[in-house]
Protein backbone atom coordinates (compact mmCIF):
# COMPACT_ATOMS: atom_id res chain seq x y z
CA VAL A 1 74.98 43.12 112.39
CA GLN A 2 76.01 44.17 116.06
CA LEU A 3 79.27 44.16 118.40
CA GLN A 4 78.76 44.41 122.05
CA ALA A 5 82.48 45.09 123.61
CA SER A 6 83.05 44.67 127.24
CA GLY A 7 85.91 44.27 129.46
CA GLY A 8 87.27 47.62 130.17
CA GLY A 9 88.40 49.30 133.09
CA LEU A 10 90.97 50.72 135.35
CA VAL A 11 94.21 48.64 135.95
CA GLN A 12 97.30 49.32 137.04
CA ALA A 13 100.56 49.26 135.17
CA GLY A 14 102.15 45.45 134.73
CA GLY A 15 98.17 44.43 134.81
CA SER A 16 95.92 42.34 132.84
CA LEU A 17 92.72 43.08 131.01
CA ARG A 18 90.16 40.80 128.72
CA LEU A 19 88.00 42.27 126.39
CA SER A 20 85.38 40.32 124.52
CA CYS A 21 83.44 41.53 122.10
CA ALA A 22 79.74 39.65 121.17
CA GLY A 23 78.57 39.37 117.74
CA SER A 24 75.05 39.46 116.60
CA GLY A 25 72.61 39.13 113.56
CA ARG A 26 75.24 36.57 111.38
CA THR A 27 78.16 34.44 111.89
CA PHE A 28 81.76 35.64 110.84
CA ASN A 29 83.08 32.76 109.16
CA ASN A 30 85.61 34.46 106.13
CA HIS A 31 85.60 37.33 108.19
CA VAL A 32 87.77 39.77 109.85
CA MET A 33 87.85 40.68 113.78
CA GLY A 34 90.25 43.85 114.21
CA TRP A 35 90.74 45.57 117.38
CA PHE A 36 91.43 48.84 117.07
CA ARG A 37 91.77 52.12 119.83
CA GLN A 38 91.69 55.66 120.17
CA ALA A 39 93.33 57.70 123.01
CA PRO A 40 92.59 61.10 123.59
CA GLY A 41 93.75 63.46 120.46
CA LYS A 42 95.07 60.87 118.66
CA GLU A 43 94.26 58.96 115.49
CA ARG A 44 92.38 55.06 115.76
CA GLU A 45 95.24 52.32 115.33
CA PHE A 46 94.91 48.97 115.13
CA VAL A 47 95.91 46.60 117.40
CA ALA A 48 95.41 43.19 116.78
CA GLY A 49 93.29 40.85 113.67
CA ILE A 50 92.33 37.30 113.47
CA ILE A 51 90.62 35.77 110.14
CA TRP A 52 87.76 34.46 112.18
CA ASN A 53 87.40 30.58 111.38
CA PHE A 54 91.23 30.17 110.39
CA GLY A 55 93.14 31.69 113.85
CA SER A 56 95.48 33.45 111.49
CA THR A 57 96.40 36.96 113.90
CA TYR A 58 98.43 39.77 113.37
CA TYR A 59 99.47 42.24 116.19
CA ALA A 60 100.83 45.81 116.21
CA ASN A 61 104.48 46.06 117.23
CA SER A 62 103.38 47.69 120.12
CA VAL A 63 101.35 44.92 121.56
CA LYS A 64 103.28 41.74 120.39
CA GLY A 65 104.11 39.62 122.83
CA ARG A 66 101.56 41.40 125.47
CA PHE A 67 98.16 41.16 123.53
CA THR A 68 96.63 37.74 122.44
CA ILE A 69 93.92 37.78 120.14
CA SER A 70 91.01 34.76 120.18
CA ILE A 71 87.75 33.37 118.65
CA ASP A 72 84.83 31.79 120.57
CA ASN A 73 82.58 30.28 117.67
CA ALA A 74 80.72 28.65 120.05
CA LYS A 75 79.61 32.00 121.73
CA ASN A 76 80.43 34.20 118.47
CA THR A 77 82.30 36.23 120.33
CA GLY A 78 85.87 37.66 119.89
CA ASN A 79 88.28 38.51 122.65
CA LEU A 80 91.87 40.34 123.33
CA GLN A 81 93.98 39.35 126.66
CA MET A 82 96.18 42.45 127.53
CA ASN A 83 98.77 41.30 129.73
CA ASN A 84 101.77 43.39 130.86
CA LEU A 85 99.64 46.54 130.44
CA LYS A 86 101.42 49.94 130.45
CA PRO A 87 100.04 53.61 130.89
CA GLU A 88 100.88 54.34 126.92
CA ASP A 89 97.99 51.42 126.43
CA THR A 90 94.90 53.70 127.56
CA ALA A 91 92.49 54.57 125.02
CA VAL A 92 89.04 53.53 124.16
CA TYR A 93 89.07 50.13 122.45
CA HIS A 94 87.09 49.07 119.74
CA CYS A 95 86.12 45.97 118.00
CA ALA A 96 85.35 45.77 114.27
CA ILE A 97 84.67 43.37 111.56
CA ARG A 98 85.68 43.03 108.25
CA ALA A 99 83.88 41.53 105.58
CA SER A 100 87.46 39.78 104.12
CA ARG A 101 89.64 36.98 104.50
CA VAL A 102 92.52 39.51 104.94
CA ILE A 103 93.46 41.32 107.81
CA ASN A 104 94.18 45.12 107.19
CA THR A 105 95.22 47.68 110.08
CA ALA A 106 92.94 50.65 108.09
CA PRO A 107 89.96 51.36 109.95
CA SER A 108 88.69 52.69 107.20
CA GLU A 109 88.58 48.73 105.71
CA TYR A 110 86.31 47.64 108.35
CA ASP A 111 82.65 47.41 107.82
CA TYR A 112 81.04 47.12 111.30
CA TRP A 113 81.74 48.44 114.66
CA GLY A 114 80.91 47.94 118.24
CA GLN A 115 80.96 50.64 120.92
CA GLY A 116 84.19 51.16 122.97
CA THR A 117 85.40 50.30 126.02
CA GLN A 118 87.65 52.54 128.00
CA VAL A 119 90.93 51.09 129.20
CA THR A 120 93.14 53.47 131.96
CA VAL A 121 96.46 52.06 132.83
CA SER A 122 97.91 53.45 135.73
CA SER A 123 101.65 54.35 136.43
């Protein structure tokens, strides 16, 4: 299994970015895709999760109402639409897959990880 994250960049506060995570090696029915982020000097934190073929979602309070996680099953890709970005959203964002139908917020519960993509929000 390989996960390839893309879509990061530099944006002004209030702007938007769309991250994508393309999976290969298998399909992810009955799995969870999660997005996490890690800022310098901080622990990796959960951002959002989705049950691949059910569409149920869960968001961290800090991004609720601003971020939307979705799946494009035809492309075996997960997406994270980030709107109204704030400087505190600046971090390296990682996608991950958990071999379970239960969304979990702990990074240790995820089995496969993509490389990170940098998101920088300027004030």
